[in-house]
Amino acid sequence: MNPALVNIEAERSLLGCVLLDSGCLYRTLPLLRPHDFSLDSHRRIYHAIAELAESGKPVDDLTVTDALIAKGQLQAVGGVEYVGSLSDNVTSELARTAHVEHYAETILDKSRRRRTLASANALAAATEDPSVSTDECLQQIQESLLELEAASGRTTARHVKEFMPEVLRELETQAANQGLVGMTTGLQPLDLVTGGIRRGELWTIGALPGRGKTAWGV
């Protein structure tokens, strides 16, 4: 495998970390999706891990193995032995668990490279296809770049201590301004639901013709 596109050891290390340490798990979930892994077996294992975590169930070798058995996927990922091997070289005492974000960033970088290569190949094929117009090719290039840029915009999870002051300030502002945090929309029910139009937000108004969209937007 091309090392510029794949890092199997980083994938194995990350999976081992999240199987052993719930802290690693919840630091990783906001960063990665199953499709970011290069191996199908790793995608299946991570998907099972994410499903267990989202349902509030414990995540470890046993529960992940049971989940894969229930899906009929255990043998496809290498069996019980492979799942167990992921955490063999990782323990909560080793520094490797503290570096789980580094593994996640490495996996995500390789994933973006693979998607970039796939997009480049698709664009090359489109430019050589006489049935595809130049404008369509240019549009496809722009859409591909936007998708890749969006995929790189994931942020890590934040500890509750970091964002609670922001939440409290917002609640205080709402209490002092009859529920408003931003600029009023002019419609009290909408202000009540949204808190008003805030700095940095983009609003899109949609309704059937003749329902007052233009008047409200002005």
N, C-alpha and C. Protein backbone atom coordinates (compact mmCIF):
# COMPACT_ATOMS: atom_id res chain seq x y z
N MET A 1 0.82 -1.20 0.00
CA MET A 1 0.00 0.00 0.00
C MET A 1 0.86 1.26 0.00
N ASN A 2 0.40 2.28 -0.69
CA ASN A 2 1.13 3.53 -0.77
C ASN A 2 1.12 4.23 0.60
N PRO A 3 2.30 4.45 1.22
CA PRO A 3 2.34 5.08 2.55
C PRO A 3 1.83 6.52 2.54
N ALA A 4 1.76 7.14 1.37
CA ALA A 4 1.21 8.49 1.30
C ALA A 4 -0.30 8.48 1.47
N LEU A 5 -0.92 7.32 1.22
CA LEU A 5 -2.38 7.21 1.23
C LEU A 5 -2.92 6.39 2.39
N VAL A 6 -2.07 5.57 3.02
CA VAL A 6 -2.55 4.63 4.04
C VAL A 6 -1.55 4.55 5.18
N ASN A 7 -2.07 4.48 6.43
CA ASN A 7 -1.23 4.22 7.59
C ASN A 7 -1.96 3.20 8.46
N ILE A 8 -1.72 1.92 8.19
CA ILE A 8 -2.41 0.84 8.88
C ILE A 8 -2.09 0.85 10.37
N GLU A 9 -0.82 1.13 10.72
CA GLU A 9 -0.43 1.10 12.13
C GLU A 9 -1.18 2.17 12.93
N ALA A 10 -1.38 3.34 12.34
CA ALA A 10 -2.14 4.40 13.02
C ALA A 10 -3.58 3.95 13.24
N GLU A 11 -4.16 3.27 12.25
CA GLU A 11 -5.53 2.78 12.39
C GLU A 11 -5.63 1.74 13.50
N ARG A 12 -4.69 0.80 13.52
CA ARG A 12 -4.70 -0.24 14.56
C ARG A 12 -4.49 0.39 15.94
N SER A 13 -3.57 1.33 16.04
CA SER A 13 -3.29 1.97 17.33
C SER A 13 -4.51 2.72 17.84
N LEU A 14 -5.17 3.44 16.95
CA LEU A 14 -6.36 4.20 17.38
C LEU A 14 -7.46 3.26 17.85
N LEU A 15 -7.73 2.22 17.08
CA LEU A 15 -8.77 1.27 17.48
C LEU A 15 -8.44 0.62 18.82
N GLY A 16 -7.16 0.27 19.01
CA GLY A 16 -6.76 -0.29 20.29
C GLY A 16 -6.97 0.67 21.43
N CYS A 17 -6.65 1.95 21.21
CA CYS A 17 -6.83 2.97 22.25
C CYS A 17 -8.30 3.12 22.65
N VAL A 18 -9.17 3.19 21.67
CA VAL A 18 -10.58 3.43 21.99
C VAL A 18 -11.23 2.20 22.62
N LEU A 19 -10.70 1.02 22.33
CA LEU A 19 -11.22 -0.19 22.96
C LEU A 19 -10.82 -0.27 24.43
N LEU A 20 -9.72 0.35 24.77
CA LEU A 20 -9.20 0.27 26.14
C LEU A 20 -9.58 1.45 27.01
N ASP A 21 -9.81 2.60 26.41
CA ASP A 21 -9.95 3.83 27.19
C ASP A 21 -11.15 4.64 26.68
N SER A 22 -12.16 4.79 27.50
CA SER A 22 -13.35 5.54 27.08
C SER A 22 -13.02 7.00 26.81
N GLY A 23 -11.99 7.53 27.49
CA GLY A 23 -11.58 8.90 27.22
C GLY A 23 -11.08 9.05 25.79
N CYS A 24 -10.32 8.07 25.33
CA CYS A 24 -9.85 8.08 23.95
C CYS A 24 -11.02 8.00 22.98
N LEU A 25 -11.99 7.19 23.35
CA LEU A 25 -13.16 7.00 22.48
C LEU A 25 -13.87 8.32 22.23
N TYR A 26 -14.16 9.06 23.29
CA TYR A 26 -14.95 10.28 23.13
C TYR A 26 -14.11 11.46 22.63
N ARG A 27 -12.78 11.32 22.65
CA ARG A 27 -11.93 12.32 22.00
C ARG A 27 -11.83 12.06 20.51
N THR A 28 -12.14 10.83 20.10
CA THR A 28 -11.97 10.42 18.71
C THR A 28 -13.26 10.52 17.90
N LEU A 29 -14.39 10.22 18.51
CA LEU A 29 -15.66 10.18 17.78
C LEU A 29 -15.97 11.46 17.00
N PRO A 30 -15.68 12.67 17.54
CA PRO A 30 -15.99 13.87 16.75
C PRO A 30 -15.07 14.06 15.53
N LEU A 31 -13.95 13.32 15.50
CA LEU A 31 -12.96 13.54 14.46
C LEU A 31 -13.10 12.63 13.25
N LEU A 32 -13.48 11.38 13.50
CA LEU A 32 -13.43 10.37 12.45
C LEU A 32 -14.78 9.74 12.18
N ARG A 33 -14.97 9.30 10.94
CA ARG A 33 -16.11 8.50 10.53
C ARG A 33 -15.57 7.18 10.00
N PRO A 34 -16.40 6.14 9.97
CA PRO A 34 -15.91 4.84 9.49
C PRO A 34 -15.22 4.89 8.14
N HIS A 35 -15.74 5.71 7.21
CA HIS A 35 -15.15 5.74 5.88
C HIS A 35 -13.75 6.35 5.84
N ASP A 36 -13.29 6.94 6.96
CA ASP A 36 -11.95 7.49 6.99
C ASP A 36 -10.87 6.41 7.10
N PHE A 37 -11.26 5.21 7.49
CA PHE A 37 -10.30 4.12 7.60
C PHE A 37 -10.09 3.49 6.23
N SER A 38 -8.86 3.05 5.98
CA SER A 38 -8.53 2.52 4.66
C SER A 38 -8.97 1.07 4.49
N LEU A 39 -8.90 0.28 5.57
CA LEU A 39 -9.27 -1.13 5.49
C LEU A 39 -10.75 -1.32 5.78
N ASP A 40 -11.39 -2.17 5.02
CA ASP A 40 -12.80 -2.46 5.26
C ASP A 40 -13.01 -3.04 6.65
N SER A 41 -12.10 -3.88 7.11
CA SER A 41 -12.23 -4.47 8.44
C SER A 41 -12.20 -3.40 9.52
N HIS A 42 -11.34 -2.42 9.37
CA HIS A 42 -11.26 -1.33 10.35
C HIS A 42 -12.50 -0.45 10.29
N ARG A 43 -13.04 -0.25 9.10
CA ARG A 43 -14.27 0.54 8.98
C ARG A 43 -15.41 -0.16 9.72
N ARG A 44 -15.51 -1.47 9.56
CA ARG A 44 -16.58 -2.22 10.23
C ARG A 44 -16.43 -2.18 11.75
N ILE A 45 -15.19 -2.34 12.22
CA ILE A 45 -14.95 -2.33 13.66
C ILE A 45 -15.27 -0.95 14.24
N TYR A 46 -14.81 0.10 13.58
CA TYR A 46 -15.06 1.45 14.09
C TYR A 46 -16.55 1.78 14.06
N HIS A 47 -17.25 1.31 13.04
CA HIS A 47 -18.69 1.54 12.96
C HIS A 47 -19.39 0.86 14.12
N ALA A 48 -18.98 -0.36 14.46
CA ALA A 48 -19.57 -1.06 15.60
C ALA A 48 -19.28 -0.32 16.90
N ILE A 49 -18.05 0.19 17.04
CA ILE A 49 -17.68 0.96 18.23
C ILE A 49 -18.54 2.21 18.35
N ALA A 50 -18.69 2.95 17.25
CA ALA A 50 -19.48 4.19 17.27
C ALA A 50 -20.94 3.90 17.62
N GLU A 51 -21.50 2.84 17.08
CA GLU A 51 -22.90 2.50 17.37
C GLU A 51 -23.08 2.17 18.85
N LEU A 52 -22.15 1.42 19.43
CA LEU A 52 -22.24 1.10 20.85
C LEU A 52 -22.17 2.37 21.70
N ALA A 53 -21.23 3.25 21.35
CA ALA A 53 -21.06 4.48 22.12
C ALA A 53 -22.30 5.37 22.02
N GLU A 54 -22.86 5.49 20.82
CA GLU A 54 -24.03 6.35 20.62
C GLU A 54 -25.26 5.82 21.35
N SER A 55 -25.31 4.50 21.56
CA SER A 55 -26.45 3.91 22.28
C SER A 55 -26.20 3.85 23.78
N GLY A 56 -25.06 4.36 24.22
CA GLY A 56 -24.77 4.40 25.65
C GLY A 56 -24.28 3.09 26.22
N LYS A 57 -23.86 2.16 25.38
CA LYS A 57 -23.39 0.86 25.85
C LYS A 57 -21.87 0.88 26.03
N PRO A 58 -21.35 0.01 26.88
CA PRO A 58 -19.89 -0.03 27.08
C PRO A 58 -19.18 -0.50 25.81
N VAL A 59 -17.97 -0.02 25.64
CA VAL A 59 -17.17 -0.38 24.47
C VAL A 59 -15.90 -1.09 24.94
N ASP A 60 -15.73 -2.33 24.56
CA ASP A 60 -14.51 -3.09 24.84
C ASP A 60 -14.45 -4.25 23.85
N ASP A 61 -13.42 -5.06 23.98
CA ASP A 61 -13.24 -6.18 23.04
C ASP A 61 -14.48 -7.06 22.98
N LEU A 62 -15.04 -7.37 24.14
CA LEU A 62 -16.17 -8.30 24.20
C LEU A 62 -17.43 -7.72 23.56
N THR A 63 -17.77 -6.46 23.92
CA THR A 63 -19.01 -5.88 23.38
C THR A 63 -18.90 -5.64 21.88
N VAL A 64 -17.70 -5.25 21.42
CA VAL A 64 -17.52 -5.03 19.98
C VAL A 64 -17.59 -6.35 19.23
N THR A 65 -17.00 -7.40 19.81
CA THR A 65 -17.07 -8.72 19.20
C THR A 65 -18.52 -9.19 19.09
N ASP A 66 -19.28 -9.00 20.17
CA ASP A 66 -20.70 -9.39 20.16
C ASP A 66 -21.48 -8.60 19.11
N ALA A 67 -21.18 -7.30 18.98
CA ALA A 67 -21.87 -6.47 17.99
C ALA A 67 -21.56 -6.93 16.58
N LEU A 68 -20.31 -7.32 16.33
CA LEU A 68 -19.93 -7.80 15.00
C LEU A 68 -20.55 -9.15 14.70
N ILE A 69 -20.67 -10.00 15.74
CA ILE A 69 -21.35 -11.29 15.57
C ILE A 69 -22.81 -11.06 15.18
N ALA A 70 -23.46 -10.11 15.88
CA ALA A 70 -24.87 -9.81 15.59
C ALA A 70 -25.07 -9.31 14.17
N LYS A 71 -24.06 -8.65 13.63
CA LYS A 71 -24.14 -8.15 12.26
C LYS A 71 -23.69 -9.18 11.23
N GLY A 72 -23.15 -10.31 11.72
CA GLY A 72 -22.61 -11.30 10.80
C GLY A 72 -21.32 -10.86 10.15
N GLN A 73 -20.54 -10.01 10.85
CA GLN A 73 -19.34 -9.43 10.26
C GLN A 73 -18.05 -9.85 10.96
N LEU A 74 -18.14 -10.67 11.98
CA LEU A 74 -16.94 -10.98 12.76
C LEU A 74 -15.85 -11.64 11.92
N GLN A 75 -16.19 -12.62 11.13
CA GLN A 75 -15.19 -13.29 10.32
C GLN A 75 -14.63 -12.36 9.24
N ALA A 76 -15.46 -11.44 8.76
CA ALA A 76 -15.02 -10.51 7.72
C ALA A 76 -13.93 -9.57 8.22
N VAL A 77 -13.89 -9.30 9.54
CA VAL A 77 -12.88 -8.40 10.09
C VAL A 77 -11.67 -9.15 10.61
N GLY A 78 -11.69 -10.47 10.56
CA GLY A 78 -10.54 -11.24 11.02
C GLY A 78 -10.78 -12.08 12.25
N GLY A 79 -12.02 -12.10 12.73
CA GLY A 79 -12.36 -12.95 13.86
C GLY A 79 -12.03 -12.34 15.21
N VAL A 80 -12.31 -13.12 16.26
CA VAL A 80 -12.07 -12.69 17.64
C VAL A 80 -10.59 -12.34 17.85
N GLU A 81 -9.71 -13.13 17.24
CA GLU A 81 -8.28 -12.92 17.43
C GLU A 81 -7.84 -11.54 16.96
N TYR A 82 -8.38 -11.10 15.82
CA TYR A 82 -7.95 -9.80 15.30
C TYR A 82 -8.47 -8.66 16.17
N VAL A 83 -9.73 -8.76 16.59
CA VAL A 83 -10.27 -7.70 17.45
C VAL A 83 -9.46 -7.61 18.74
N GLY A 84 -9.12 -8.77 19.32
CA GLY A 84 -8.34 -8.77 20.55
C GLY A 84 -6.93 -8.25 20.35
N SER A 85 -6.37 -8.48 19.16
CA SER A 85 -4.99 -8.05 18.90
C SER A 85 -4.83 -6.55 18.84
N LEU A 86 -5.93 -5.83 18.58
CA LEU A 86 -5.83 -4.37 18.42
C LEU A 86 -5.37 -3.70 19.70
N SER A 87 -5.75 -4.25 20.85
CA SER A 87 -5.37 -3.62 22.11
C SER A 87 -4.19 -4.31 22.78
N ASP A 88 -3.58 -5.30 22.12
CA ASP A 88 -2.47 -6.04 22.72
C ASP A 88 -1.30 -5.15 23.09
N ASN A 89 -0.98 -4.19 22.25
CA ASN A 89 0.21 -3.36 22.46
C ASN A 89 -0.12 -1.99 23.02
N VAL A 90 -1.36 -1.81 23.46
CA VAL A 90 -1.76 -0.51 23.99
C VAL A 90 -2.40 -0.72 25.36
N THR A 91 -1.94 -0.01 26.35
CA THR A 91 -2.56 -0.03 27.67
C THR A 91 -2.75 1.40 28.14
N SER A 92 -3.62 1.59 29.10
CA SER A 92 -3.91 2.94 29.58
C SER A 92 -2.70 3.57 30.25
N GLU A 93 -1.68 2.77 30.60
CA GLU A 93 -0.48 3.32 31.22
C GLU A 93 0.52 3.85 30.21
N LEU A 94 0.38 3.43 28.96
CA LEU A 94 1.34 3.86 27.94
C LEU A 94 0.98 5.24 27.41
N ALA A 95 2.00 5.96 26.96
CA ALA A 95 1.78 7.31 26.43
C ALA A 95 0.96 7.29 25.16
N ARG A 96 0.87 6.14 24.50
CA ARG A 96 0.18 6.09 23.21
C ARG A 96 -1.28 6.51 23.33
N THR A 97 -1.92 6.20 24.45
CA THR A 97 -3.32 6.61 24.60
C THR A 97 -3.45 8.13 24.66
N ALA A 98 -2.41 8.80 25.14
CA ALA A 98 -2.45 10.26 25.21
C ALA A 98 -2.29 10.89 23.83
N HIS A 99 -1.85 10.08 22.86
CA HIS A 99 -1.61 10.59 21.52
C HIS A 99 -2.70 10.18 20.53
N VAL A 100 -3.87 9.83 21.06
CA VAL A 100 -4.91 9.31 20.18
C VAL A 100 -5.34 10.34 19.15
N GLU A 101 -5.30 11.64 19.50
CA GLU A 101 -5.65 12.66 18.52
C GLU A 101 -4.66 12.68 17.35
N HIS A 102 -3.40 12.38 17.65
CA HIS A 102 -2.39 12.32 16.58
C HIS A 102 -2.71 11.18 15.62
N TYR A 103 -3.10 10.03 16.16
CA TYR A 103 -3.50 8.92 15.29
C TYR A 103 -4.70 9.31 14.45
N ALA A 104 -5.67 9.97 15.09
CA ALA A 104 -6.89 10.38 14.37
C ALA A 104 -6.56 11.36 13.26
N GLU A 105 -5.68 12.33 13.54
CA GLU A 105 -5.30 13.31 12.52
C GLU A 105 -4.57 12.64 11.35
N THR A 106 -3.73 11.65 11.68
CA THR A 106 -3.02 10.92 10.63
C THR A 106 -4.00 10.17 9.73
N ILE A 107 -4.96 9.48 10.35
CA ILE A 107 -5.96 8.72 9.60
C ILE A 107 -6.79 9.66 8.74
N LEU A 108 -7.19 10.79 9.31
CA LEU A 108 -8.00 11.74 8.56
C LEU A 108 -7.22 12.33 7.39
N ASP A 109 -5.94 12.61 7.60
CA ASP A 109 -5.11 13.16 6.52
C ASP A 109 -5.00 12.16 5.37
N LYS A 110 -4.78 10.89 5.69
CA LYS A 110 -4.70 9.87 4.64
C LYS A 110 -6.04 9.72 3.92
N SER A 111 -7.11 9.80 4.69
CA SER A 111 -8.45 9.70 4.09
C SER A 111 -8.69 10.83 3.10
N ARG A 112 -8.30 12.05 3.47
CA ARG A 112 -8.47 13.19 2.58
C ARG A 112 -7.62 13.04 1.32
N ARG A 113 -6.41 12.49 1.48
CA ARG A 113 -5.56 12.26 0.32
C ARG A 113 -6.21 11.26 -0.64
N ARG A 114 -6.79 10.19 -0.09
CA ARG A 114 -7.44 9.19 -0.94
C ARG A 114 -8.63 9.80 -1.67
N ARG A 115 -9.40 10.62 -0.96
CA ARG A 115 -10.55 11.27 -1.60
C ARG A 115 -10.08 12.26 -2.66
N THR A 116 -8.97 12.95 -2.38
CA THR A 116 -8.42 13.88 -3.37
C THR A 116 -7.99 13.14 -4.62
N LEU A 117 -7.33 12.01 -4.44
CA LEU A 117 -6.90 11.21 -5.59
C LEU A 117 -8.09 10.69 -6.38
N ALA A 118 -9.13 10.23 -5.67
CA ALA A 118 -10.33 9.73 -6.35
C ALA A 118 -11.00 10.86 -7.13
N SER A 119 -11.05 12.05 -6.53
CA SER A 119 -11.65 13.20 -7.23
C SER A 119 -10.83 13.58 -8.45
N ALA A 120 -9.50 13.56 -8.30
CA ALA A 120 -8.63 13.91 -9.42
C ALA A 120 -8.80 12.93 -10.58
N ASN A 121 -8.91 11.64 -10.26
CA ASN A 121 -9.12 10.63 -11.31
C ASN A 121 -10.46 10.83 -12.00
N ALA A 122 -11.49 11.14 -11.20
CA ALA A 122 -12.81 11.35 -11.78
C ALA A 122 -12.82 12.59 -12.67
N LEU A 123 -12.12 13.64 -12.24
CA LEU A 123 -12.05 14.87 -13.03
C LEU A 123 -11.27 14.64 -14.32
N ALA A 124 -10.18 13.87 -14.22
CA ALA A 124 -9.40 13.57 -15.42
C ALA A 124 -10.24 12.81 -16.44
N ALA A 125 -11.03 11.86 -15.93
CA ALA A 125 -11.90 11.10 -16.83
C ALA A 125 -12.96 12.00 -17.46
N ALA A 126 -13.48 12.94 -16.67
CA ALA A 126 -14.51 13.85 -17.19
C ALA A 126 -13.96 14.76 -18.27
N THR A 127 -12.74 15.26 -18.07
CA THR A 127 -12.16 16.17 -19.06
C THR A 127 -11.85 15.46 -20.38
N GLU A 128 -11.67 14.16 -20.33
CA GLU A 128 -11.39 13.39 -21.55
C GLU A 128 -12.65 12.86 -22.22
N ASP A 129 -13.80 13.10 -21.56
CA ASP A 129 -15.08 12.62 -22.09
C ASP A 129 -15.72 13.72 -22.94
N PRO A 130 -15.85 13.52 -24.23
CA PRO A 130 -16.41 14.58 -25.10
C PRO A 130 -17.87 14.89 -24.81
N SER A 131 -18.55 13.97 -24.14
CA SER A 131 -19.97 14.22 -23.83
C SER A 131 -20.14 15.15 -22.63
N VAL A 132 -19.05 15.43 -21.91
CA VAL A 132 -19.10 16.32 -20.74
C VAL A 132 -18.58 17.69 -21.16
N SER A 133 -19.38 18.73 -20.95
CA SER A 133 -18.98 20.07 -21.36
C SER A 133 -17.89 20.63 -20.44
N THR A 134 -17.20 21.64 -20.95
CA THR A 134 -16.15 22.29 -20.15
C THR A 134 -16.74 22.91 -18.89
N ASP A 135 -17.92 23.54 -19.02
CA ASP A 135 -18.56 24.15 -17.85
C ASP A 135 -18.89 23.09 -16.80
N GLU A 136 -19.33 21.92 -17.24
CA GLU A 136 -19.63 20.84 -16.30
C GLU A 136 -18.35 20.37 -15.60
N CYS A 137 -17.25 20.31 -16.35
CA CYS A 137 -15.98 19.93 -15.75
C CYS A 137 -15.55 20.93 -14.68
N LEU A 138 -15.68 22.22 -15.00
CA LEU A 138 -15.31 23.25 -14.04
C LEU A 138 -16.18 23.21 -12.80
N GLN A 139 -17.48 22.96 -13.02
CA GLN A 139 -18.38 22.86 -11.88
C GLN A 139 -18.02 21.66 -11.00
N GLN A 140 -17.66 20.56 -11.64
CA GLN A 140 -17.28 19.37 -10.90
C GLN A 140 -16.02 19.62 -10.07
N ILE A 141 -15.08 20.38 -10.65
CA ILE A 141 -13.86 20.73 -9.92
C ILE A 141 -14.20 21.56 -8.67
N GLN A 142 -15.06 22.55 -8.85
CA GLN A 142 -15.44 23.41 -7.73
C GLN A 142 -16.15 22.62 -6.64
N GLU A 143 -17.06 21.74 -7.04
CA GLU A 143 -17.79 20.95 -6.06
C GLU A 143 -16.86 20.01 -5.31
N SER A 144 -15.92 19.41 -6.01
CA SER A 144 -14.96 18.51 -5.37
C SER A 144 -14.11 19.24 -4.34
N LEU A 145 -13.65 20.45 -4.70
CA LEU A 145 -12.84 21.23 -3.78
C LEU A 145 -13.63 21.62 -2.54
N LEU A 146 -14.89 22.00 -2.73
CA LEU A 146 -15.73 22.36 -1.59
C LEU A 146 -15.97 21.17 -0.67
N GLU A 147 -16.20 20.00 -1.24
CA GLU A 147 -16.41 18.80 -0.44
C GLU A 147 -15.17 18.45 0.37
N LEU A 148 -14.01 18.54 -0.25
CA LEU A 148 -12.77 18.24 0.44
C LEU A 148 -12.49 19.25 1.54
N GLU A 149 -12.79 20.52 1.27
CA GLU A 149 -12.59 21.55 2.28
C GLU A 149 -13.53 21.35 3.46
N ALA A 150 -14.78 20.97 3.17
CA ALA A 150 -15.75 20.72 4.24
C ALA A 150 -15.31 19.56 5.11
N ALA A 151 -14.72 18.54 4.48
CA ALA A 151 -14.29 17.36 5.23
C ALA A 151 -13.15 17.67 6.17
N SER A 152 -12.41 18.74 5.91
CA SER A 152 -11.26 19.09 6.75
C SER A 152 -11.65 20.01 7.89
N GLY A 153 -12.93 20.35 7.99
CA GLY A 153 -13.34 21.33 8.98
C GLY A 153 -13.85 20.77 10.27
N ARG A 154 -13.58 19.50 10.55
CA ARG A 154 -14.06 18.91 11.78
C ARG A 154 -13.28 19.47 12.96
N THR A 155 -13.97 19.63 14.06
CA THR A 155 -13.33 20.13 15.27
C THR A 155 -13.40 19.07 16.35
N THR A 156 -12.49 19.16 17.29
CA THR A 156 -12.47 18.20 18.38
C THR A 156 -13.56 18.53 19.38
N ALA A 157 -13.89 17.54 20.20
CA ALA A 157 -14.87 17.76 21.26
C ALA A 157 -14.30 18.72 22.30
N ARG A 158 -15.17 19.46 22.97
CA ARG A 158 -14.74 20.39 23.99
C ARG A 158 -15.25 19.93 25.35
N HIS A 159 -14.44 20.14 26.37
CA HIS A 159 -14.87 19.79 27.72
C HIS A 159 -15.96 20.76 28.15
N VAL A 160 -16.87 20.25 28.97
CA VAL A 160 -18.00 21.06 29.41
C VAL A 160 -17.53 22.34 30.12
N LYS A 161 -16.40 22.28 30.80
CA LYS A 161 -15.88 23.45 31.50
C LYS A 161 -15.52 24.58 30.53
N GLU A 162 -15.20 24.22 29.29
CA GLU A 162 -14.78 25.23 28.31
C GLU A 162 -15.95 26.03 27.77
N PHE A 163 -17.10 25.35 27.53
CA PHE A 163 -18.19 26.07 26.88
C PHE A 163 -19.32 26.49 27.82
N MET A 164 -19.32 26.01 29.07
CA MET A 164 -20.38 26.40 30.00
C MET A 164 -20.41 27.90 30.28
N PRO A 165 -19.25 28.59 30.42
CA PRO A 165 -19.32 30.05 30.59
C PRO A 165 -20.03 30.74 29.43
N GLU A 166 -19.81 30.25 28.20
CA GLU A 166 -20.48 30.82 27.03
C GLU A 166 -21.99 30.62 27.14
N VAL A 167 -22.37 29.41 27.55
CA VAL A 167 -23.80 29.09 27.69
C VAL A 167 -24.44 29.98 28.75
N LEU A 168 -23.77 30.16 29.88
CA LEU A 168 -24.31 30.99 30.95
C LEU A 168 -24.45 32.45 30.52
N ARG A 169 -23.44 32.96 29.79
CA ARG A 169 -23.53 34.34 29.29
C ARG A 169 -24.70 34.50 28.33
N GLU A 170 -24.92 33.49 27.50
CA GLU A 170 -26.04 33.55 26.56
C GLU A 170 -27.38 33.53 27.29
N LEU A 171 -27.48 32.70 28.32
CA LEU A 171 -28.72 32.64 29.10
C LEU A 171 -28.99 33.96 29.82
N GLU A 172 -27.92 34.57 30.33
CA GLU A 172 -28.08 35.86 31.00
C GLU A 172 -28.54 36.93 30.01
N THR A 173 -27.98 36.90 28.80
CA THR A 173 -28.38 37.86 27.77
C THR A 173 -29.84 37.66 27.38
N GLN A 174 -30.25 36.41 27.24
CA GLN A 174 -31.64 36.11 26.92
C GLN A 174 -32.58 36.61 28.01
N ALA A 175 -32.19 36.39 29.26
CA ALA A 175 -33.04 36.82 30.38
C ALA A 175 -33.19 38.33 30.42
N ALA A 176 -32.13 39.05 30.03
CA ALA A 176 -32.15 40.51 30.08
C ALA A 176 -32.82 41.12 28.86
N ASN A 177 -32.98 40.35 27.79
CA ASN A 177 -33.51 40.90 26.53
C ASN A 177 -34.73 40.14 26.02
N GLN A 178 -35.52 39.63 26.94
CA GLN A 178 -36.77 38.94 26.60
C GLN A 178 -36.53 37.80 25.59
N GLY A 179 -35.48 37.04 25.83
CA GLY A 179 -35.20 35.88 25.00
C GLY A 179 -34.29 36.13 23.84
N LEU A 180 -33.95 37.39 23.58
CA LEU A 180 -33.09 37.72 22.44
C LEU A 180 -31.61 37.63 22.81
N VAL A 181 -30.84 37.04 21.90
CA VAL A 181 -29.39 37.05 22.01
C VAL A 181 -28.80 37.87 20.86
N GLY A 182 -29.40 37.73 19.67
CA GLY A 182 -28.95 38.46 18.50
C GLY A 182 -29.93 39.56 18.13
N MET A 183 -29.94 39.92 16.84
CA MET A 183 -30.82 40.96 16.33
C MET A 183 -32.22 40.40 16.12
N THR A 184 -33.22 41.15 16.45
CA THR A 184 -34.60 40.68 16.30
C THR A 184 -34.96 40.44 14.84
N THR A 185 -35.76 39.44 14.59
CA THR A 185 -36.26 39.17 13.25
C THR A 185 -37.51 39.97 12.94
N GLY A 186 -38.10 40.58 13.97
CA GLY A 186 -39.36 41.29 13.80
C GLY A 186 -40.56 40.40 14.04
N LEU A 187 -40.32 39.12 14.22
CA LEU A 187 -41.40 38.15 14.49
C LEU A 187 -41.13 37.52 15.85
N GLN A 188 -41.96 37.87 16.83
CA GLN A 188 -41.71 37.42 18.20
C GLN A 188 -41.66 35.90 18.34
N PRO A 189 -42.54 35.14 17.69
CA PRO A 189 -42.45 33.68 17.83
C PRO A 189 -41.13 33.12 17.28
N LEU A 190 -40.64 33.71 16.20
CA LEU A 190 -39.37 33.27 15.62
C LEU A 190 -38.21 33.65 16.53
N ASP A 191 -38.28 34.86 17.10
CA ASP A 191 -37.25 35.28 18.06
C ASP A 191 -37.19 34.33 19.24
N LEU A 192 -38.36 33.90 19.70
CA LEU A 192 -38.43 33.01 20.85
C LEU A 192 -37.75 31.68 20.56
N VAL A 193 -37.93 31.18 19.34
CA VAL A 193 -37.36 29.88 18.96
C VAL A 193 -35.87 29.97 18.68
N THR A 194 -35.44 31.05 18.03
CA THR A 194 -34.06 31.14 17.55
C THR A 194 -33.15 32.00 18.42
N GLY A 195 -33.73 32.90 19.20
CA GLY A 195 -32.90 33.83 19.96
C GLY A 195 -32.46 35.03 19.14
N GLY A 196 -32.98 35.15 17.90
CA GLY A 196 -32.62 36.26 17.04
C GLY A 196 -31.48 35.88 16.09
N ILE A 197 -31.16 36.81 15.21
CA ILE A 197 -30.10 36.60 14.22
C ILE A 197 -28.77 36.97 14.84
N ARG A 198 -27.86 36.00 14.91
CA ARG A 198 -26.58 36.22 15.59
C ARG A 198 -25.45 36.48 14.59
N ARG A 199 -24.41 37.13 15.08
CA ARG A 199 -23.25 37.45 14.26
C ARG A 199 -22.65 36.17 13.67
N GLY A 200 -22.36 36.21 12.37
CA GLY A 200 -21.74 35.06 11.72
C GLY A 200 -22.71 34.04 11.17
N GLU A 201 -24.02 34.23 11.40
CA GLU A 201 -25.01 33.27 10.91
C GLU A 201 -25.50 33.66 9.51
N LEU A 202 -25.87 32.65 8.74
CA LEU A 202 -26.48 32.86 7.43
C LEU A 202 -27.86 32.24 7.46
N TRP A 203 -28.87 33.03 7.22
CA TRP A 203 -30.25 32.55 7.24
C TRP A 203 -30.78 32.43 5.82
N THR A 204 -31.52 31.37 5.56
CA THR A 204 -32.18 31.18 4.28
C THR A 204 -33.68 31.16 4.51
N ILE A 205 -34.39 32.01 3.78
CA ILE A 205 -35.84 32.12 3.92
C ILE A 205 -36.50 31.33 2.80
N GLY A 206 -37.39 30.41 3.18
CA GLY A 206 -38.06 29.60 2.17
C GLY A 206 -39.56 29.51 2.45
N ALA A 207 -40.38 29.65 1.44
CA ALA A 207 -41.83 29.52 1.58
C ALA A 207 -42.45 29.49 0.18
N LEU A 208 -43.73 29.19 0.12
CA LEU A 208 -44.44 29.20 -1.15
C LEU A 208 -44.55 30.63 -1.68
N PRO A 209 -44.79 30.80 -2.99
CA PRO A 209 -44.96 32.14 -3.55
C PRO A 209 -46.10 32.90 -2.87
N GLY A 210 -45.88 34.20 -2.74
CA GLY A 210 -46.94 35.04 -2.19
C GLY A 210 -47.08 34.97 -0.68
N ARG A 211 -46.09 34.42 0.02
CA ARG A 211 -46.19 34.30 1.48
C ARG A 211 -45.42 35.38 2.24
N GLY A 212 -44.89 36.37 1.53
CA GLY A 212 -44.25 37.50 2.20
C GLY A 212 -42.75 37.36 2.44
N LYS A 213 -42.09 36.50 1.70
CA LYS A 213 -40.65 36.31 1.89
C LYS A 213 -39.89 37.62 1.63
N THR A 214 -40.20 38.27 0.51
CA THR A 214 -39.48 39.49 0.13
C THR A 214 -39.70 40.59 1.16
N ALA A 215 -40.96 40.76 1.58
CA ALA A 215 -41.29 41.80 2.55
C ALA A 215 -40.56 41.56 3.86
N TRP A 216 -40.52 40.31 4.28
CA TRP A 216 -39.86 40.01 5.55
C TRP A 216 -38.35 40.18 5.43
N GLY A 217 -37.78 39.78 4.29
CA GLY A 217 -36.34 39.91 4.09
C GLY A 217 -35.90 41.35 4.06
N VAL A 218 -36.73 42.22 3.51
CA VAL A 218 -36.41 43.65 3.48
C VAL A 218 -36.54 44.27 4.86
